[in-house]
Amino acid sequence: MVLDASTLPSHLDLFRLEDFSTTIVCTERFVQACRRLNLDGVSFHPLPMK
């Protein structure tokens, strides 16, 4: 999966893609907040953008 940067919402930190309803996409800011809170059971994987 490669994300088109021009189509990503700039006002959201967390969202789902229409064609991939089981995938939740988040911003780096959201990832950092989860890490600061030491949340268990959440894994993050970077997605490439074009």
C-alpha atoms as a PDB file:
ATOM      1  CA  MET A   1       0.000   0.000   0.000  1.00  0.00           C
ATOM      2  CA  VAL A   2       1.354   3.436  -0.979  1.00  0.00           C
ATOM      3  CA  LEU A   3      -0.462   6.554   0.211  1.00  0.00           C
ATOM      4  CA  ASP A   4      -0.932   9.580  -2.030  1.00  0.00           C
ATOM      5  CA  ALA A   5       0.171  12.458   0.223  1.00  0.00           C
ATOM      6  CA  SER A   6      -2.041  14.967  -1.602  1.00  0.00           C
ATOM      7  CA  THR A   7      -5.200  13.051  -0.623  1.00  0.00           C
ATOM      8  CA  LEU A   8      -4.493  12.679   3.101  1.00  0.00           C
ATOM      9  CA  PRO A   9      -6.598  14.777   5.481  1.00  0.00           C
ATOM     10  CA  SER A  10      -4.426  17.380   7.217  1.00  0.00           C
ATOM     11  CA  HIS A  11      -6.903  18.010  10.043  1.00  0.00           C
ATOM     12  CA  LEU A  12      -7.043  14.391  11.321  1.00  0.00           C
ATOM     13  CA  ASP A  13      -4.486  12.318  13.237  1.00  0.00           C
ATOM     14  CA  LEU A  14      -6.367   9.024  12.859  1.00  0.00           C
ATOM     15  CA  PHE A  15      -8.577   7.724  10.035  1.00  0.00           C
ATOM     16  CA  ARG A  16      -9.542   4.671   7.976  1.00  0.00           C
ATOM     17  CA  LEU A  17      -9.138   4.245   4.248  1.00  0.00           C
ATOM     18  CA  GLU A  18     -12.296   3.492   2.289  1.00  0.00           C
ATOM     19  CA  ASP A  19     -10.779   0.496   0.468  1.00  0.00           C
ATOM     20  CA  PHE A  20      -8.962  -0.887   3.538  1.00  0.00           C
ATOM     21  CA  SER A  21     -11.505  -0.775   6.368  1.00  0.00           C
ATOM     22  CA  THR A  22      -9.384  -2.982   8.633  1.00  0.00           C
ATOM     23  CA  THR A  23      -6.387  -0.642   8.356  1.00  0.00           C
ATOM     24  CA  ILE A  24      -6.216   2.420  10.570  1.00  0.00           C
ATOM     25  CA  VAL A  25      -3.847   5.150   9.394  1.00  0.00           C
ATOM     26  CA  CYS A  26      -2.424   7.677  11.819  1.00  0.00           C
ATOM     27  CA  THR A  27       0.063  10.513  11.888  1.00  0.00           C
ATOM     28  CA  GLU A  28       3.481  10.481  13.497  1.00  0.00           C
ATOM     29  CA  ARG A  29       2.042  12.829  16.117  1.00  0.00           C
ATOM     30  CA  PHE A  30      -0.525  10.156  17.068  1.00  0.00           C
ATOM     31  CA  VAL A  31       2.200   7.495  17.268  1.00  0.00           C
ATOM     32  CA  GLN A  32       4.288   9.677  19.580  1.00  0.00           C
ATOM     33  CA  ALA A  33       1.287  10.325  21.848  1.00  0.00           C
ATOM     34  CA  CYS A  34       0.586   6.579  22.133  1.00  0.00           C
ATOM     35  CA  ARG A  35       4.226   5.908  22.974  1.00  0.00           C
ATOM     36  CA  ARG A  36       4.243   8.615  25.653  1.00  0.00           C
ATOM     37  CA  LEU A  37       1.158   6.984  27.201  1.00  0.00           C
ATOM     38  CA  ASN A  38       2.826   3.533  27.073  1.00  0.00           C
ATOM     39  CA  LEU A  39      -0.237   1.942  25.457  1.00  0.00           C
ATOM     40  CA  ASP A  40      -0.120  -1.862  25.166  1.00  0.00           C
ATOM     41  CA  GLY A  41      -1.527  -3.907  22.301  1.00  0.00           C
ATOM     42  CA  VAL A  42      -0.951  -1.278  19.631  1.00  0.00           C
ATOM     43  CA  SER A  43       1.593  -1.730  16.848  1.00  0.00           C
ATOM     44  CA  PHE A  44       2.629   0.824  14.263  1.00  0.00           C
ATOM     45  CA  HIS A  45       4.117   0.259  10.826  1.00  0.00           C
ATOM     46  CA  PRO A  46       5.249   3.071   8.529  1.00  0.00           C
ATOM     47  CA  LEU A  47       3.506   3.401   5.168  1.00  0.00           C
ATOM     48  CA  PRO A  48       5.238   4.817   2.104  1.00  0.00           C
ATOM     49  CA  MET A  49       3.848   7.994   0.529  1.00  0.00           C
ATOM     50  CA  LYS A  50       4.261   9.422  -2.933  1.00  0.00           C
END
